[in-house]
């Protein structure tokens, strides 16, 4: 694992996000991962940040609400099957690490581990969470929420970025 510049890791994230990337969250002794297809990066509160969105109905939501950090892993090889499994199965019922044969390793600066997969890995310390208020969502976007299971937006300060060959 080699350290890389934040800009390189964020560019990889933005290039891959529509195909999906892995979000890993740890709270207490529970760790879960899920596929995310929405993220933002930028400079907020005088910090480099990534914002990820997790629906309140997801198993990961219960963990990320208690977490002090999260990691994002951007695969550099085709992991379509694992991304599909992690985006369609719940950690309530499935150990996605076992099913996808994914291992973790300790992160350098946060308590949440990173995946041991080839690609870019971004370590984020939780700095803000914002539940979406349905009153503030434009009507044309309501079709994305037929079950009214809105997202909470989690902002993480980027503390470290790495690349695994």
N, C-alpha and C. Protein backbone atom coordinates (compact mmCIF):
# COMPACT_ATOMS: atom_id res chain seq x y z
N UNK A 1 0.85 -1.17 0.00
CA UNK A 1 0.00 0.00 0.00
C UNK A 1 0.89 1.23 0.00
N UNK A 2 0.64 2.13 -0.93
CA UNK A 2 1.43 3.35 -0.97
C UNK A 2 0.53 4.56 -0.79
N UNK A 3 1.07 5.55 -0.14
CA UNK A 3 0.35 6.79 0.05
C UNK A 3 0.27 7.53 -1.28
N UNK A 4 -0.89 8.13 -1.57
CA UNK A 4 -1.06 8.90 -2.80
C UNK A 4 -1.65 10.26 -2.46
N UNK A 5 -1.52 11.17 -3.40
CA UNK A 5 -2.10 12.50 -3.21
C UNK A 5 -3.62 12.41 -3.23
N UNK A 6 -4.21 13.24 -2.41
CA UNK A 6 -5.65 13.27 -2.27
C UNK A 6 -6.33 13.49 -3.63
N UNK A 7 -5.80 14.38 -4.42
CA UNK A 7 -6.39 14.69 -5.72
C UNK A 7 -6.48 13.45 -6.61
N UNK A 8 -5.46 12.61 -6.58
CA UNK A 8 -5.47 11.38 -7.38
C UNK A 8 -6.59 10.45 -6.93
N UNK A 9 -6.73 10.27 -5.62
CA UNK A 9 -7.76 9.37 -5.09
C UNK A 9 -9.16 9.91 -5.36
N UNK A 10 -9.35 11.21 -5.20
CA UNK A 10 -10.66 11.81 -5.43
C UNK A 10 -11.02 11.74 -6.92
N UNK A 11 -10.06 11.94 -7.79
CA UNK A 11 -10.34 11.81 -9.23
C UNK A 11 -10.77 10.39 -9.57
N UNK A 12 -10.12 9.40 -8.99
CA UNK A 12 -10.51 8.00 -9.22
C UNK A 12 -11.93 7.77 -8.71
N UNK A 13 -12.26 8.32 -7.54
CA UNK A 13 -13.60 8.19 -6.98
C UNK A 13 -14.64 8.78 -7.92
N UNK A 14 -14.41 9.99 -8.40
CA UNK A 14 -15.40 10.66 -9.24
C UNK A 14 -15.55 9.95 -10.59
N UNK A 15 -14.48 9.35 -11.07
CA UNK A 15 -14.54 8.61 -12.33
C UNK A 15 -15.36 7.32 -12.17
N UNK A 16 -15.27 6.67 -11.02
CA UNK A 16 -15.88 5.35 -10.79
C UNK A 16 -17.25 5.41 -10.13
N UNK A 17 -17.63 6.53 -9.54
CA UNK A 17 -18.81 6.58 -8.66
C UNK A 17 -20.08 6.10 -9.35
N UNK A 18 -20.28 6.40 -10.60
CA UNK A 18 -21.52 5.99 -11.26
C UNK A 18 -21.60 4.47 -11.44
N UNK A 19 -20.45 3.81 -11.47
CA UNK A 19 -20.42 2.34 -11.55
C UNK A 19 -20.49 1.72 -10.16
N UNK A 20 -20.19 2.52 -9.16
CA UNK A 20 -20.24 2.07 -7.78
C UNK A 20 -18.86 1.96 -7.16
N UNK A 21 -18.79 2.29 -5.89
CA UNK A 21 -17.59 2.15 -5.07
C UNK A 21 -18.05 1.57 -3.73
N UNK A 22 -17.10 1.14 -2.93
CA UNK A 22 -17.42 0.53 -1.64
C UNK A 22 -17.31 1.56 -0.51
N UNK A 23 -18.30 1.57 0.34
CA UNK A 23 -18.28 2.34 1.58
C UNK A 23 -18.14 1.34 2.72
N UNK A 24 -17.15 1.54 3.58
CA UNK A 24 -16.95 0.67 4.74
C UNK A 24 -17.18 1.51 5.99
N UNK A 25 -17.93 0.93 6.93
CA UNK A 25 -18.25 1.63 8.17
C UNK A 25 -18.04 0.66 9.33
N UNK A 26 -17.48 1.18 10.42
CA UNK A 26 -17.29 0.38 11.62
C UNK A 26 -17.81 1.16 12.83
N UNK A 27 -18.62 0.47 13.64
CA UNK A 27 -19.09 1.03 14.90
C UNK A 27 -18.99 -0.07 15.94
N UNK A 28 -18.23 0.18 16.97
CA UNK A 28 -18.00 -0.86 17.97
C UNK A 28 -17.28 -2.03 17.33
N UNK A 29 -17.82 -3.24 17.51
CA UNK A 29 -17.18 -4.41 16.91
C UNK A 29 -17.85 -4.84 15.60
N UNK A 30 -18.78 -4.04 15.09
CA UNK A 30 -19.48 -4.36 13.84
C UNK A 30 -18.90 -3.55 12.68
N UNK A 31 -18.62 -4.24 11.58
CA UNK A 31 -18.15 -3.60 10.37
C UNK A 31 -19.04 -4.05 9.22
N UNK A 32 -19.41 -3.14 8.36
CA UNK A 32 -20.25 -3.47 7.21
C UNK A 32 -19.75 -2.69 6.01
N UNK A 33 -20.09 -3.20 4.84
CA UNK A 33 -19.79 -2.46 3.63
C UNK A 33 -21.01 -2.45 2.74
N UNK A 34 -21.08 -1.45 1.91
CA UNK A 34 -22.16 -1.32 0.95
C UNK A 34 -21.62 -0.62 -0.28
N UNK A 35 -22.34 -0.77 -1.37
CA UNK A 35 -22.01 -0.06 -2.59
C UNK A 35 -22.71 1.29 -2.55
N UNK A 36 -21.98 2.33 -2.92
CA UNK A 36 -22.60 3.64 -3.07
C UNK A 36 -22.40 4.10 -4.51
N UNK A 37 -23.37 4.84 -5.00
CA UNK A 37 -23.30 5.39 -6.34
C UNK A 37 -23.44 6.90 -6.34
N UNK A 38 -23.50 7.48 -5.16
CA UNK A 38 -23.60 8.93 -5.02
C UNK A 38 -22.53 9.40 -4.05
N UNK A 39 -21.82 10.44 -4.41
CA UNK A 39 -20.82 11.04 -3.52
C UNK A 39 -20.46 12.41 -4.08
N UNK A 40 -19.98 13.25 -3.21
CA UNK A 40 -19.45 14.56 -3.59
C UNK A 40 -18.10 14.73 -2.92
N UNK A 41 -17.26 15.51 -3.54
CA UNK A 41 -16.01 15.88 -2.87
C UNK A 41 -15.82 17.37 -3.03
N UNK A 42 -15.14 17.95 -2.08
CA UNK A 42 -14.90 19.39 -2.15
C UNK A 42 -14.19 19.89 -0.92
N UNK A 43 -14.23 21.18 -0.80
CA UNK A 43 -13.56 21.85 0.30
C UNK A 43 -14.63 22.58 1.10
N UNK A 44 -14.91 22.08 2.31
CA UNK A 44 -15.96 22.63 3.16
C UNK A 44 -15.41 22.75 4.57
N UNK A 45 -15.77 23.81 5.26
CA UNK A 45 -15.33 24.04 6.64
C UNK A 45 -13.80 24.04 6.74
N UNK A 46 -13.17 24.57 5.70
CA UNK A 46 -11.70 24.65 5.63
C UNK A 46 -11.05 23.27 5.64
N UNK A 47 -11.77 22.28 5.13
CA UNK A 47 -11.26 20.91 5.10
C UNK A 47 -11.60 20.26 3.77
N UNK A 48 -10.73 19.37 3.30
CA UNK A 48 -11.06 18.54 2.16
C UNK A 48 -12.03 17.48 2.63
N UNK A 49 -13.14 17.34 1.94
CA UNK A 49 -14.20 16.45 2.41
C UNK A 49 -14.75 15.56 1.30
N UNK A 50 -15.36 14.50 1.73
CA UNK A 50 -16.21 13.66 0.89
C UNK A 50 -17.54 13.56 1.59
N UNK A 51 -18.61 13.66 0.79
CA UNK A 51 -19.95 13.48 1.32
C UNK A 51 -20.51 12.20 0.70
N UNK A 52 -21.01 11.31 1.55
CA UNK A 52 -21.68 10.10 1.10
C UNK A 52 -23.11 10.12 1.62
N UNK A 53 -23.99 9.44 0.90
CA UNK A 53 -25.40 9.42 1.27
C UNK A 53 -25.81 7.98 1.60
N UNK A 54 -26.46 7.80 2.76
CA UNK A 54 -26.92 6.47 3.16
C UNK A 54 -28.40 6.59 3.52
N UNK A 55 -29.21 5.73 2.88
CA UNK A 55 -30.65 5.74 3.19
C UNK A 55 -30.88 5.27 4.62
N UNK A 56 -31.85 5.88 5.25
CA UNK A 56 -32.17 5.56 6.64
C UNK A 56 -32.68 4.13 6.81
N UNK A 57 -33.12 3.50 5.73
CA UNK A 57 -33.64 2.12 5.81
C UNK A 57 -32.53 1.07 5.71
N UNK A 58 -31.31 1.48 5.43
CA UNK A 58 -30.22 0.53 5.23
C UNK A 58 -29.59 0.10 6.55
N UNK A 59 -29.10 -1.12 6.58
CA UNK A 59 -28.40 -1.63 7.76
C UNK A 59 -27.19 -0.76 8.09
N UNK A 60 -26.49 -0.31 7.06
CA UNK A 60 -25.31 0.53 7.26
C UNK A 60 -25.66 1.82 8.00
N UNK A 61 -26.87 2.30 7.83
CA UNK A 61 -27.30 3.54 8.50
C UNK A 61 -27.14 3.41 10.02
N UNK A 62 -27.55 2.28 10.58
CA UNK A 62 -27.43 2.09 12.02
C UNK A 62 -25.98 2.13 12.50
N UNK A 63 -25.06 1.68 11.65
CA UNK A 63 -23.65 1.71 12.01
C UNK A 63 -23.04 3.09 11.82
N UNK A 64 -23.32 3.71 10.68
CA UNK A 64 -22.67 4.99 10.38
C UNK A 64 -23.15 6.07 11.35
N UNK A 65 -24.35 5.91 11.86
CA UNK A 65 -24.86 6.87 12.85
C UNK A 65 -24.00 6.86 14.12
N UNK A 66 -23.38 5.73 14.44
CA UNK A 66 -22.56 5.60 15.64
C UNK A 66 -21.07 5.73 15.35
N UNK A 67 -20.70 5.77 14.08
CA UNK A 67 -19.29 5.71 13.68
C UNK A 67 -18.60 7.06 13.81
N UNK A 68 -17.29 7.00 13.99
CA UNK A 68 -16.49 8.23 14.00
C UNK A 68 -15.73 8.42 12.70
N UNK A 69 -15.90 7.44 11.77
CA UNK A 69 -15.16 7.51 10.51
C UNK A 69 -15.82 6.59 9.49
N UNK A 70 -15.37 6.73 8.26
CA UNK A 70 -15.73 5.79 7.20
C UNK A 70 -14.59 5.77 6.19
N UNK A 71 -14.55 4.71 5.40
CA UNK A 71 -13.58 4.64 4.32
C UNK A 71 -14.31 4.35 3.01
N UNK A 72 -13.70 4.82 1.94
CA UNK A 72 -14.23 4.59 0.60
C UNK A 72 -13.13 3.87 -0.19
N UNK A 73 -13.50 2.76 -0.80
CA UNK A 73 -12.55 2.00 -1.63
C UNK A 73 -13.04 2.01 -3.07
N UNK A 74 -12.15 2.47 -3.94
CA UNK A 74 -12.45 2.62 -5.36
C UNK A 74 -11.68 1.53 -6.11
N UNK A 75 -12.36 0.48 -6.55
CA UNK A 75 -11.63 -0.62 -7.19
C UNK A 75 -10.98 -0.19 -8.51
N UNK A 76 -9.78 -0.73 -8.76
CA UNK A 76 -9.10 -0.42 -10.01
C UNK A 76 -9.21 -1.58 -11.01
N UNK A 77 -9.90 -2.63 -10.60
CA UNK A 77 -10.18 -3.73 -11.53
C UNK A 77 -11.67 -4.02 -11.47
N UNK A 78 -12.15 -4.83 -12.38
CA UNK A 78 -13.57 -5.11 -12.45
C UNK A 78 -14.02 -5.89 -11.21
N UNK A 79 -14.90 -5.29 -10.45
CA UNK A 79 -15.48 -5.95 -9.27
C UNK A 79 -16.99 -5.86 -9.34
N UNK A 80 -17.51 -5.92 -10.56
CA UNK A 80 -18.93 -5.73 -10.79
C UNK A 80 -19.80 -6.66 -9.94
N UNK A 81 -19.43 -7.93 -9.83
CA UNK A 81 -20.24 -8.88 -9.06
C UNK A 81 -20.28 -8.49 -7.58
N UNK A 82 -19.13 -8.16 -7.01
CA UNK A 82 -19.08 -7.75 -5.59
C UNK A 82 -19.84 -6.45 -5.37
N UNK A 83 -19.70 -5.50 -6.28
CA UNK A 83 -20.43 -4.24 -6.17
C UNK A 83 -21.93 -4.50 -6.22
N UNK A 84 -22.35 -5.43 -7.08
CA UNK A 84 -23.77 -5.75 -7.19
C UNK A 84 -24.28 -6.40 -5.90
N UNK A 85 -23.52 -7.33 -5.37
CA UNK A 85 -23.93 -8.00 -4.11
C UNK A 85 -24.00 -6.98 -2.97
N UNK A 86 -22.98 -6.15 -2.85
CA UNK A 86 -22.92 -5.18 -1.75
C UNK A 86 -23.94 -4.06 -1.91
N UNK A 87 -24.48 -3.91 -3.11
CA UNK A 87 -25.50 -2.91 -3.35
C UNK A 87 -26.92 -3.44 -3.30
N UNK A 88 -27.05 -4.77 -3.23
CA UNK A 88 -28.39 -5.34 -3.26
C UNK A 88 -28.72 -6.20 -2.04
N UNK A 89 -27.72 -6.63 -1.31
CA UNK A 89 -27.97 -7.45 -0.12
C UNK A 89 -27.71 -6.63 1.14
N UNK A 90 -28.43 -6.96 2.18
CA UNK A 90 -28.31 -6.24 3.44
C UNK A 90 -27.35 -6.94 4.39
N UNK A 91 -26.59 -6.15 5.10
CA UNK A 91 -25.72 -6.67 6.15
C UNK A 91 -26.50 -7.25 7.31
N UNK A 92 -27.80 -6.98 7.36
CA UNK A 92 -28.65 -7.60 8.39
C UNK A 92 -28.70 -9.12 8.20
N UNK A 93 -28.71 -9.52 6.91
CA UNK A 93 -28.93 -10.92 6.57
C UNK A 93 -27.72 -11.63 5.97
N UNK A 94 -26.75 -10.87 5.52
CA UNK A 94 -25.63 -11.43 4.76
C UNK A 94 -24.31 -10.86 5.26
N UNK A 95 -23.33 -11.72 5.42
CA UNK A 95 -21.97 -11.25 5.67
C UNK A 95 -21.35 -11.02 4.29
N UNK A 96 -21.41 -9.78 3.85
CA UNK A 96 -20.95 -9.45 2.49
C UNK A 96 -19.45 -9.63 2.33
N UNK A 97 -18.69 -9.49 3.42
CA UNK A 97 -17.25 -9.73 3.34
C UNK A 97 -17.00 -11.19 2.95
N UNK A 98 -17.72 -12.12 3.61
CA UNK A 98 -17.55 -13.54 3.30
C UNK A 98 -18.08 -13.87 1.91
N UNK A 99 -19.28 -13.40 1.60
CA UNK A 99 -19.89 -13.75 0.32
C UNK A 99 -19.05 -13.25 -0.87
N UNK A 100 -18.45 -12.09 -0.71
CA UNK A 100 -17.64 -11.52 -1.81
C UNK A 100 -16.15 -11.85 -1.67
N UNK A 101 -15.80 -12.58 -0.62
CA UNK A 101 -14.40 -12.91 -0.35
C UNK A 101 -13.54 -11.65 -0.27
N UNK A 102 -14.01 -10.70 0.52
CA UNK A 102 -13.29 -9.45 0.71
C UNK A 102 -12.73 -9.39 2.12
N UNK A 103 -11.48 -9.00 2.21
CA UNK A 103 -10.82 -8.84 3.50
C UNK A 103 -10.56 -7.36 3.74
N UNK A 104 -10.31 -7.03 5.00
CA UNK A 104 -9.98 -5.65 5.34
C UNK A 104 -8.58 -5.60 5.94
N UNK A 105 -8.08 -4.40 6.03
CA UNK A 105 -6.84 -4.16 6.75
C UNK A 105 -6.98 -2.84 7.47
N UNK A 106 -6.22 -2.65 8.54
CA UNK A 106 -6.34 -1.40 9.28
C UNK A 106 -6.02 -0.19 8.40
N UNK A 107 -6.79 0.85 8.61
CA UNK A 107 -6.50 2.12 7.96
C UNK A 107 -5.34 2.79 8.72
N UNK A 108 -4.75 3.78 8.10
CA UNK A 108 -3.63 4.47 8.74
C UNK A 108 -4.07 5.50 9.77
N UNK A 109 -5.21 6.18 9.52
CA UNK A 109 -5.57 7.31 10.38
C UNK A 109 -6.96 7.26 10.99
N UNK A 110 -7.77 6.26 10.62
CA UNK A 110 -9.13 6.18 11.18
C UNK A 110 -9.38 4.77 11.71
N UNK A 111 -10.42 4.63 12.50
CA UNK A 111 -10.73 3.33 13.11
C UNK A 111 -11.40 2.36 12.14
N UNK A 112 -12.04 2.88 11.11
CA UNK A 112 -12.69 2.03 10.12
C UNK A 112 -11.63 1.46 9.18
N UNK A 113 -11.66 0.15 8.91
CA UNK A 113 -10.64 -0.43 8.03
C UNK A 113 -10.89 -0.09 6.56
N UNK A 114 -9.89 -0.41 5.73
CA UNK A 114 -10.05 -0.31 4.29
C UNK A 114 -10.13 -1.73 3.72
N UNK A 115 -10.67 -1.84 2.54
CA UNK A 115 -10.72 -3.14 1.87
C UNK A 115 -9.35 -3.48 1.30
N UNK A 116 -9.01 -4.74 1.33
CA UNK A 116 -7.76 -5.21 0.71
C UNK A 116 -8.05 -5.55 -0.74
N UNK A 117 -8.26 -4.52 -1.53
CA UNK A 117 -8.50 -4.71 -2.97
C UNK A 117 -7.60 -3.74 -3.73
N UNK A 118 -7.25 -4.08 -4.96
CA UNK A 118 -6.50 -3.12 -5.77
C UNK A 118 -7.35 -1.87 -6.02
N UNK A 119 -6.76 -0.72 -5.80
CA UNK A 119 -7.46 0.53 -6.05
C UNK A 119 -7.11 1.60 -5.05
N UNK A 120 -7.84 2.69 -5.14
CA UNK A 120 -7.64 3.83 -4.25
C UNK A 120 -8.52 3.68 -3.01
N UNK A 121 -7.98 4.15 -1.90
CA UNK A 121 -8.68 4.06 -0.62
C UNK A 121 -8.60 5.42 0.06
N UNK A 122 -9.75 5.88 0.55
CA UNK A 122 -9.83 7.20 1.15
C UNK A 122 -10.36 7.05 2.57
N UNK A 123 -9.61 7.58 3.52
CA UNK A 123 -9.96 7.49 4.94
C UNK A 123 -10.54 8.83 5.39
N UNK A 124 -11.72 8.77 5.98
CA UNK A 124 -12.43 10.00 6.37
C UNK A 124 -12.85 9.96 7.83
N UNK A 125 -12.62 11.06 8.50
CA UNK A 125 -13.11 11.27 9.87
C UNK A 125 -14.45 11.99 9.76
N UNK A 126 -15.45 11.46 10.42
CA UNK A 126 -16.79 12.04 10.37
C UNK A 126 -16.77 13.45 10.97
N UNK A 127 -17.30 14.42 10.22
CA UNK A 127 -17.35 15.78 10.76
C UNK A 127 -18.75 16.38 10.77
N UNK A 128 -19.68 15.80 10.01
CA UNK A 128 -21.04 16.35 10.00
C UNK A 128 -21.99 15.32 9.40
N UNK A 129 -23.21 15.30 9.90
CA UNK A 129 -24.26 14.50 9.28
C UNK A 129 -25.52 15.34 9.19
N UNK A 130 -26.21 15.21 8.06
CA UNK A 130 -27.38 16.02 7.80
C UNK A 130 -28.50 15.14 7.25
N UNK A 131 -29.55 14.91 8.05
CA UNK A 131 -30.69 14.15 7.52
C UNK A 131 -31.42 15.00 6.47
N UNK A 132 -31.82 14.35 5.38
CA UNK A 132 -32.58 15.06 4.36
C UNK A 132 -33.98 15.36 4.89
N UNK A 133 -34.43 16.57 4.67
CA UNK A 133 -35.77 16.98 5.06
C UNK A 133 -36.64 16.93 3.81
N UNK A 134 -37.67 16.09 3.78
CA UNK A 134 -38.49 15.95 2.58
C UNK A 134 -39.09 17.28 2.11
N UNK A 135 -39.28 18.22 3.02
CA UNK A 135 -39.83 19.52 2.63
C UNK A 135 -38.88 20.28 1.71
N UNK A 136 -37.59 19.92 1.74
CA UNK A 136 -36.60 20.65 0.96
C UNK A 136 -36.22 19.95 -0.34
N UNK A 137 -36.86 18.84 -0.65
CA UNK A 137 -36.53 18.08 -1.85
C UNK A 137 -37.46 18.50 -2.97
N UNK A 138 -36.90 18.84 -4.12
CA UNK A 138 -37.71 19.22 -5.26
C UNK A 138 -38.59 18.05 -5.67
N UNK A 139 -39.81 18.35 -6.07
CA UNK A 139 -40.80 17.32 -6.38
C UNK A 139 -40.29 16.34 -7.44
N UNK A 140 -39.53 16.81 -8.41
CA UNK A 140 -39.06 15.91 -9.47
C UNK A 140 -38.11 14.83 -8.93
N UNK A 141 -37.53 15.04 -7.75
CA UNK A 141 -36.64 14.05 -7.15
C UNK A 141 -37.38 13.06 -6.26
N UNK A 142 -38.63 13.34 -5.94
CA UNK A 142 -39.41 12.45 -5.06
C UNK A 142 -39.56 11.06 -5.66
N UNK A 143 -39.46 10.91 -6.97
CA UNK A 143 -39.57 9.59 -7.59
C UNK A 143 -38.43 8.67 -7.14
N UNK A 144 -37.34 9.24 -6.64
CA UNK A 144 -36.23 8.45 -6.13
C UNK A 144 -36.53 7.89 -4.73
N UNK A 145 -37.63 8.34 -4.14
CA UNK A 145 -37.99 7.94 -2.77
C UNK A 145 -39.42 7.42 -2.68
N UNK A 146 -39.77 6.36 -3.44
CA UNK A 146 -41.16 5.88 -3.37
C UNK A 146 -41.53 5.37 -1.98
N UNK A 147 -40.55 4.86 -1.24
CA UNK A 147 -40.82 4.38 0.12
C UNK A 147 -40.59 5.48 1.16
N UNK A 148 -40.26 6.67 0.70
CA UNK A 148 -39.99 7.82 1.57
C UNK A 148 -38.86 7.51 2.56
N UNK A 149 -37.91 6.70 2.11
CA UNK A 149 -36.73 6.35 2.92
C UNK A 149 -35.56 7.24 2.49
N UNK A 150 -35.56 8.42 3.03
CA UNK A 150 -34.62 9.44 2.61
C UNK A 150 -33.20 9.14 3.09
N UNK A 151 -32.27 9.81 2.49
CA UNK A 151 -30.86 9.67 2.85
C UNK A 151 -30.49 10.59 4.01
N UNK A 152 -29.45 10.22 4.70
CA UNK A 152 -28.72 11.15 5.56
C UNK A 152 -27.39 11.36 4.86
N UNK A 153 -26.93 12.60 4.83
CA UNK A 153 -25.68 12.96 4.17
C UNK A 153 -24.59 13.01 5.23
N UNK A 154 -23.50 12.28 4.98
CA UNK A 154 -22.39 12.20 5.93
C UNK A 154 -21.16 12.85 5.29
N UNK A 155 -20.62 13.82 5.99
CA UNK A 155 -19.44 14.52 5.53
C UNK A 155 -18.23 14.01 6.31
N UNK A 156 -17.23 13.60 5.58
CA UNK A 156 -16.00 13.12 6.20
C UNK A 156 -14.82 13.95 5.76
N UNK A 157 -14.00 14.33 6.71
CA UNK A 157 -12.74 15.02 6.39
C UNK A 157 -11.74 13.98 5.91
N UNK A 158 -11.16 14.22 4.77
CA UNK A 158 -10.18 13.29 4.21
C UNK A 158 -8.88 13.41 5.01
N UNK A 159 -8.48 12.29 5.62
CA UNK A 159 -7.25 12.28 6.43
C UNK A 159 -6.10 11.54 5.75
N UNK A 160 -6.43 10.57 4.91
CA UNK A 160 -5.36 9.80 4.24
C UNK A 160 -5.91 9.17 2.96
N UNK A 161 -5.02 9.03 2.00
CA UNK A 161 -5.36 8.38 0.72
C UNK A 161 -4.23 7.43 0.37
N UNK A 162 -4.61 6.25 -0.12
CA UNK A 162 -3.60 5.26 -0.48
C UNK A 162 -4.03 4.50 -1.73
N UNK A 163 -3.08 3.74 -2.25
CA UNK A 163 -3.33 2.91 -3.43
C UNK A 163 -2.73 1.54 -3.20
N UNK A 164 -3.50 0.52 -3.49
CA UNK A 164 -3.02 -0.85 -3.42
C UNK A 164 -2.93 -1.37 -4.85
N UNK A 165 -1.76 -1.91 -5.22
CA UNK A 165 -1.55 -2.45 -6.58
C UNK A 165 -2.40 -3.69 -6.79
